[in-house]
Amino acid sequence: MRLRPRVLDIFCCEGGAAKGYADAGFEVVGVDVKPQPRYPYRFVECDAMEFVKLYGVDTFDAIHASPPCQRYSTASQSRRNAGHEYPALLAPTRELLQSTGLPWVIENVPGAPMRADFVMCGSYFAGTPECDGEWFDTQLKFYGMSSDYAQEIHTEKKPYRASEGIVTFVDEKRPVDELLSEIKG
């Protein structure tokens, strides 16, 4: 029996996402098709999608995926204009992760064809046009730990004295003032 949850970090590169998971208490295993000598945790060099098919469901508790972003990144626009093609791995990665039944997160750049379930930009106003941030496509729900929702699902823990947090779903980008109006009620 494992003491810590295990997350599979596919398309891991040097382990930027892995550090956060490890700091949060996860055991992390990274997989990438290219050697990653500076990856700070257990590493397997192989095709990430094949690894998920072979070991993902039975061995891991969650999966984080960072498929190559060059197809959508503004940093690679000039190479794309010159005819260089990059693989389209977002859709097949999402389909594969959904088929596992495990919790999963896909991280990629603004402009990638992803749902905006969660946008990380260092502010509460991630779902606004004022924030471009990093995009995440996930099946997870994000909520404040003192929200009524958190209290309902974390019943084994001692409840907070007052439920003050909120759950806000931002299904499309809209200006900060509209979002604040919704939050205030």
C-alpha atoms as a PDB file:
ATOM      1  CA  MET A   1       0.000   0.000   0.000  1.00  0.00           C
ATOM      2  CA  ARG A   2       1.341   3.417  -1.009  1.00  0.00           C
ATOM      3  CA  LEU A   3       1.421   6.197   1.544  1.00  0.00           C
ATOM      4  CA  ARG A   4       1.304   9.004  -1.031  1.00  0.00           C
ATOM      5  CA  PRO A   5      -0.848   9.382  -4.133  1.00  0.00           C
ATOM      6  CA  ARG A   6       1.056   8.766  -7.364  1.00  0.00           C
ATOM      7  CA  VAL A   7       0.764  11.105 -10.348  1.00  0.00           C
ATOM      8  CA  LEU A   8       1.942  10.273 -13.849  1.00  0.00           C
ATOM      9  CA  ASP A   9       3.547  13.300 -15.545  1.00  0.00           C
ATOM     10  CA  ILE A  10       3.422  12.630 -19.309  1.00  0.00           C
ATOM     11  CA  PHE A  11       5.262  14.735 -21.892  1.00  0.00           C
ATOM     12  CA  CYS A  12       7.196  15.778 -18.787  1.00  0.00           C
ATOM     13  CA  CYS A  13      10.264  17.505 -20.272  1.00  0.00           C
ATOM     14  CA  GLU A  14      12.401  18.736 -17.363  1.00  0.00           C
ATOM     15  CA  GLY A  15       9.699  18.506 -14.695  1.00  0.00           C
ATOM     16  CA  GLY A  16       8.192  21.969 -14.255  1.00  0.00           C
ATOM     17  CA  ALA A  17       4.771  20.588 -13.360  1.00  0.00           C
ATOM     18  CA  ALA A  18       6.240  17.714 -11.345  1.00  0.00           C
ATOM     19  CA  LYS A  19       7.767  20.025  -8.759  1.00  0.00           C
ATOM     20  CA  GLY A  20       4.354  21.350  -7.743  1.00  0.00           C
ATOM     21  CA  TYR A  21       2.903  17.871  -7.415  1.00  0.00           C
ATOM     22  CA  ALA A  22       5.878  16.677  -5.362  1.00  0.00           C
ATOM     23  CA  ASP A  23       5.623  19.732  -3.098  1.00  0.00           C
ATOM     24  CA  ALA A  24       1.941  18.880  -2.592  1.00  0.00           C
ATOM     25  CA  GLY A  25       2.865  15.377  -1.416  1.00  0.00           C
ATOM     26  CA  PHE A  26       2.490  13.307  -4.586  1.00  0.00           C
ATOM     27  CA  GLU A  27       4.917  10.640  -5.701  1.00  0.00           C
ATOM     28  CA  VAL A  28       5.728  11.668  -9.282  1.00  0.00           C
ATOM     29  CA  VAL A  29       6.821   9.571 -12.256  1.00  0.00           C
ATOM     30  CA  GLY A  30       7.728  11.392 -15.467  1.00  0.00           C
ATOM     31  CA  VAL A  31       7.504  10.011 -18.995  1.00  0.00           C
ATOM     32  CA  ASP A  32       8.883  11.578 -22.150  1.00  0.00           C
ATOM     33  CA  VAL A  33       9.986  10.256 -25.529  1.00  0.00           C
ATOM     34  CA  LYS A  34      13.285  12.175 -25.239  1.00  0.00           C
ATOM     35  CA  PRO A  35      15.922  11.759 -22.521  1.00  0.00           C
ATOM     36  CA  GLN A  36      15.413  14.199 -19.634  1.00  0.00           C
ATOM     37  CA  PRO A  37      18.630  14.022 -17.579  1.00  0.00           C
ATOM     38  CA  ARG A  38      17.553  16.927 -15.337  1.00  0.00           C
ATOM     39  CA  TYR A  39      14.120  15.501 -14.484  1.00  0.00           C
ATOM     40  CA  PRO A  40      14.151  15.541 -10.667  1.00  0.00           C
ATOM     41  CA  TYR A  41      12.000  12.436  -9.999  1.00  0.00           C
ATOM     42  CA  ARG A  42      11.607   8.905 -11.324  1.00  0.00           C
ATOM     43  CA  PHE A  43      11.767   9.039 -15.122  1.00  0.00           C
ATOM     44  CA  VAL A  44      10.843   6.624 -17.919  1.00  0.00           C
ATOM     45  CA  GLU A  45      11.970   7.298 -21.481  1.00  0.00           C
ATOM     46  CA  CYS A  46       9.256   6.075 -23.853  1.00  0.00           C
ATOM     47  CA  ASP A  47       6.194   7.185 -25.792  1.00  0.00           C
ATOM     48  CA  ALA A  48       3.898   8.868 -23.261  1.00  0.00           C
ATOM     49  CA  MET A  49       0.646   7.704 -24.851  1.00  0.00           C
ATOM     50  CA  GLU A  50       1.804   4.079 -24.976  1.00  0.00           C
ATOM     51  CA  PHE A  51       2.922   4.262 -21.343  1.00  0.00           C
ATOM     52  CA  VAL A  52      -0.548   5.451 -20.273  1.00  0.00           C
ATOM     53  CA  LYS A  53      -2.166   2.586 -22.190  1.00  0.00           C
ATOM     54  CA  LEU A  54       0.126   0.024 -20.569  1.00  0.00           C
ATOM     55  CA  TYR A  55       0.466   1.289 -16.987  1.00  0.00           C
ATOM     56  CA  GLY A  56      -1.700   4.371 -16.362  1.00  0.00           C
ATOM     57  CA  VAL A  57      -4.890   2.959 -14.858  1.00  0.00           C
ATOM     58  CA  ASP A  58      -3.439   0.272 -12.628  1.00  0.00           C
ATOM     59  CA  THR A  59      -0.377   2.138 -11.372  1.00  0.00           C
ATOM     60  CA  PHE A  60      -1.328   5.817 -10.923  1.00  0.00           C
ATOM     61  CA  ASP A  61      -3.936   7.874  -9.073  1.00  0.00           C
ATOM     62  CA  ALA A  62      -3.952  10.858 -11.476  1.00  0.00           C
ATOM     63  CA  ILE A  63      -2.335  12.004 -14.726  1.00  0.00           C
ATOM     64  CA  HIS A  64      -0.847  15.367 -15.700  1.00  0.00           C
ATOM     65  CA  ALA A  65      -0.150  15.918 -19.398  1.00  0.00           C
ATOM     66  CA  SER A  66       1.829  18.680 -21.101  1.00  0.00           C
ATOM     67  CA  PRO A  67       1.625  17.734 -24.791  1.00  0.00           C
ATOM     68  CA  PRO A  68       3.989  19.644 -27.092  1.00  0.00           C
ATOM     69  CA  CYS A  69       2.800  23.235 -27.477  1.00  0.00           C
ATOM     70  CA  GLN A  70       4.778  24.301 -30.577  1.00  0.00           C
ATOM     71  CA  ARG A  71       1.782  23.765 -32.862  1.00  0.00           C
ATOM     72  CA  TYR A  72      -0.044  26.616 -31.052  1.00  0.00           C
ATOM     73  CA  SER A  73       2.666  28.728 -29.423  1.00  0.00           C
ATOM     74  CA  THR A  74       3.392  32.229 -30.710  1.00  0.00           C
ATOM     75  CA  ALA A  75       7.081  31.464 -30.095  1.00  0.00           C
ATOM     76  CA  SER A  76       7.066  28.888 -32.927  1.00  0.00           C
ATOM     77  CA  GLN A  77       4.936  30.890 -35.386  1.00  0.00           C
ATOM     78  CA  SER A  78       7.864  31.760 -37.666  1.00  0.00           C
ATOM     79  CA  ARG A  79       8.885  28.087 -37.956  1.00  0.00           C
ATOM     80  CA  ARG A  80       5.288  27.110 -38.764  1.00  0.00           C
ATOM     81  CA  ASN A  81       5.164  29.885 -41.376  1.00  0.00           C
ATOM     82  CA  ALA A  82       8.347  28.396 -42.896  1.00  0.00           C
ATOM     83  CA  GLY A  83       6.584  25.057 -43.294  1.00  0.00           C
ATOM     84  CA  HIS A  84       7.693  23.216 -40.149  1.00  0.00           C
ATOM     85  CA  GLU A  85       4.886  20.995 -38.850  1.00  0.00           C
ATOM     86  CA  TYR A  86       4.341  20.008 -35.249  1.00  0.00           C
ATOM     87  CA  PRO A  87       2.202  17.071 -34.054  1.00  0.00           C
ATOM     88  CA  ALA A  88      -1.422  17.666 -33.028  1.00  0.00           C
ATOM     89  CA  LEU A  89      -1.484  15.698 -29.765  1.00  0.00           C
ATOM     90  CA  LEU A  90      -4.046  17.595 -27.663  1.00  0.00           C
ATOM     91  CA  ALA A  91      -7.189  15.818 -28.876  1.00  0.00           C
ATOM     92  CA  PRO A  92      -5.723  12.286 -28.768  1.00  0.00           C
ATOM     93  CA  THR A  93      -4.232  12.999 -25.338  1.00  0.00           C
ATOM     94  CA  ARG A  94      -7.595  14.205 -24.004  1.00  0.00           C
ATOM     95  CA  GLU A  95      -9.403  11.163 -25.434  1.00  0.00           C
ATOM     96  CA  LEU A  96      -6.867   8.799 -23.889  1.00  0.00           C
ATOM     97  CA  LEU A  97      -6.994  10.465 -20.467  1.00  0.00           C
ATOM     98  CA  GLN A  98     -10.803  10.484 -20.466  1.00  0.00           C
ATOM     99  CA  SER A  99     -10.780   6.760 -21.220  1.00  0.00           C
ATOM    100  CA  THR A 100      -8.682   5.995 -18.107  1.00  0.00           C
ATOM    101  CA  GLY A 101     -11.351   7.101 -15.618  1.00  0.00           C
ATOM    102  CA  LEU A 102      -8.600   8.749 -13.538  1.00  0.00           C
ATOM    103  CA  PRO A 103      -8.481  12.428 -12.562  1.00  0.00           C
ATOM    104  CA  TRP A 104      -6.422  14.270 -15.179  1.00  0.00           C
ATOM    105  CA  VAL A 105      -5.136  17.698 -16.199  1.00  0.00           C
ATOM    106  CA  ILE A 106      -3.810  18.864 -19.563  1.00  0.00           C
ATOM    107  CA  GLU A 107      -1.664  22.003 -19.591  1.00  0.00           C
ATOM    108  CA  ASN A 108      -0.843  24.021 -22.701  1.00  0.00           C
ATOM    109  CA  VAL A 109      -0.408  27.548 -24.047  1.00  0.00           C
ATOM    110  CA  PRO A 110      -3.025  30.216 -24.835  1.00  0.00           C
ATOM    111  CA  GLY A 111      -4.273  29.627 -28.361  1.00  0.00           C
ATOM    112  CA  ALA A 112      -4.303  25.842 -28.036  1.00  0.00           C
ATOM    113  CA  PRO A 113      -7.703  24.253 -28.818  1.00  0.00           C
ATOM    114  CA  MET A 114      -8.679  23.541 -25.221  1.00  0.00           C
ATOM    115  CA  ARG A 115     -11.582  24.219 -22.931  1.00  0.00           C
ATOM    116  CA  ALA A 116     -10.863  26.951 -20.421  1.00  0.00           C
ATOM    117  CA  ASP A 117     -11.705  24.926 -17.322  1.00  0.00           C
ATOM    118  CA  PHE A 118      -8.944  26.642 -15.433  1.00  0.00           C
ATOM    119  CA  VAL A 119      -6.507  29.369 -16.444  1.00  0.00           C
ATOM    120  CA  MET A 120      -3.473  30.007 -14.286  1.00  0.00           C
ATOM    121  CA  CYS A 121      -2.317  33.584 -14.295  1.00  0.00           C
ATOM    122  CA  GLY A 122      -1.707  34.331 -10.645  1.00  0.00           C
ATOM    123  CA  SER A 123      -5.040  36.010 -10.003  1.00  0.00           C
ATOM    124  CA  TYR A 124      -8.647  35.217  -9.227  1.00  0.00           C
ATOM    125  CA  PHE A 125      -9.642  36.814 -12.527  1.00  0.00           C
ATOM    126  CA  ALA A 126      -8.266  34.071 -14.731  1.00  0.00           C
ATOM    127  CA  GLY A 127     -11.487  33.811 -16.732  1.00  0.00           C
ATOM    128  CA  THR A 128     -11.316  37.379 -17.971  1.00  0.00           C
ATOM    129  CA  PRO A 129      -9.900  38.935 -21.136  1.00  0.00           C
ATOM    130  CA  GLU A 130      -7.511  40.898 -18.938  1.00  0.00           C
ATOM    131  CA  CYS A 131      -5.560  37.731 -18.133  1.00  0.00           C
ATOM    132  CA  ASP A 132      -3.937  35.527 -20.777  1.00  0.00           C
ATOM    133  CA  GLY A 133      -2.155  32.975 -18.525  1.00  0.00           C
ATOM    134  CA  GLU A 134      -1.516  29.261 -18.986  1.00  0.00           C
ATOM    135  CA  TRP A 135      -4.534  27.159 -20.026  1.00  0.00           C
ATOM    136  CA  PHE A 136      -5.580  23.917 -18.354  1.00  0.00           C
ATOM    137  CA  ASP A 137      -8.113  21.413 -19.681  1.00  0.00           C
ATOM    138  CA  THR A 138      -9.287  19.224 -16.851  1.00  0.00           C
ATOM    139  CA  GLN A 139     -12.091  17.166 -15.434  1.00  0.00           C
ATOM    140  CA  LEU A 140     -11.418  18.536 -11.955  1.00  0.00           C
ATOM    141  CA  LYS A 141     -13.582  21.151 -10.246  1.00  0.00           C
ATOM    142  CA  PHE A 142     -11.831  24.084  -8.575  1.00  0.00           C
ATOM    143  CA  TYR A 143     -13.398  25.587  -5.465  1.00  0.00           C
ATOM    144  CA  GLY A 144     -12.505  27.473  -2.312  1.00  0.00           C
ATOM    145  CA  MET A 145     -11.735  25.200   0.629  1.00  0.00           C
ATOM    146  CA  SER A 146     -14.149  27.066   2.860  1.00  0.00           C
ATOM    147  CA  SER A 147     -16.996  26.936   0.335  1.00  0.00           C
ATOM    148  CA  ASP A 148     -20.204  25.013   1.030  1.00  0.00           C
ATOM    149  CA  TYR A 149     -19.198  22.668  -1.803  1.00  0.00           C
ATOM    150  CA  ALA A 150     -15.900  21.836  -0.067  1.00  0.00           C
ATOM    151  CA  GLN A 151     -17.726  21.233   3.203  1.00  0.00           C
ATOM    152  CA  GLU A 152     -20.083  18.769   1.521  1.00  0.00           C
ATOM    153  CA  ILE A 153     -17.382  16.643  -0.083  1.00  0.00           C
ATOM    154  CA  HIS A 154     -14.839  16.736   2.771  1.00  0.00           C
ATOM    155  CA  THR A 155     -17.167  15.458   5.472  1.00  0.00           C
ATOM    156  CA  GLU A 156     -14.501  13.322   7.137  1.00  0.00           C
ATOM    157  CA  LYS A 157     -12.583  16.461   8.083  1.00  0.00           C
ATOM    158  CA  LYS A 158     -13.520  18.851  10.861  1.00  0.00           C
ATOM    159  CA  PRO A 159     -15.711  21.513   9.264  1.00  0.00           C
ATOM    160  CA  TYR A 160     -14.710  25.139   9.192  1.00  0.00           C
ATOM    161  CA  ARG A 161     -16.489  27.402  11.685  1.00  0.00           C
ATOM    162  CA  ALA A 162     -18.040  29.422   8.900  1.00  0.00           C
ATOM    163  CA  SER A 163     -18.424  28.562   5.256  1.00  0.00           C
ATOM    164  CA  GLU A 164     -17.228  31.726   3.536  1.00  0.00           C
ATOM    165  CA  GLY A 165     -15.775  30.576   0.219  1.00  0.00           C
ATOM    166  CA  ILE A 166     -17.589  30.498  -3.071  1.00  0.00           C
ATOM    167  CA  VAL A 167     -17.668  28.320  -6.151  1.00  0.00           C
ATOM    168  CA  THR A 168     -17.633  30.286  -9.384  1.00  0.00           C
ATOM    169  CA  PHE A 169     -17.872  28.685 -12.803  1.00  0.00           C
ATOM    170  CA  VAL A 170     -16.481  30.797 -15.620  1.00  0.00           C
ATOM    171  CA  ASP A 171     -17.547  29.133 -18.857  1.00  0.00           C
ATOM    172  CA  GLU A 172     -16.284  31.899 -21.129  1.00  0.00           C
ATOM    173  CA  LYS A 173     -13.986  34.879 -20.874  1.00  0.00           C
ATOM    174  CA  ARG A 174     -15.730  38.067 -19.869  1.00  0.00           C
ATOM    175  CA  PRO A 175     -14.608  41.386 -18.402  1.00  0.00           C
ATOM    176  CA  VAL A 176     -13.604  41.639 -14.730  1.00  0.00           C
ATOM    177  CA  ASP A 177     -16.537  43.961 -13.899  1.00  0.00           C
ATOM    178  CA  GLU A 178     -19.050  41.343 -15.150  1.00  0.00           C
ATOM    179  CA  LEU A 179     -17.344  38.618 -13.136  1.00  0.00           C
ATOM    180  CA  LEU A 180     -17.350  40.783 -10.004  1.00  0.00           C
ATOM    181  CA  SER A 181     -21.061  41.499 -10.463  1.00  0.00           C
ATOM    182  CA  GLU A 182     -21.759  37.762 -10.631  1.00  0.00           C
ATOM    183  CA  ILE A 183     -19.674  37.088  -7.505  1.00  0.00           C
ATOM    184  CA  LYS A 184     -21.316  39.899  -5.516  1.00  0.00           C
ATOM    185  CA  GLY A 185     -24.781  38.719  -6.542  1.00  0.00           C
END
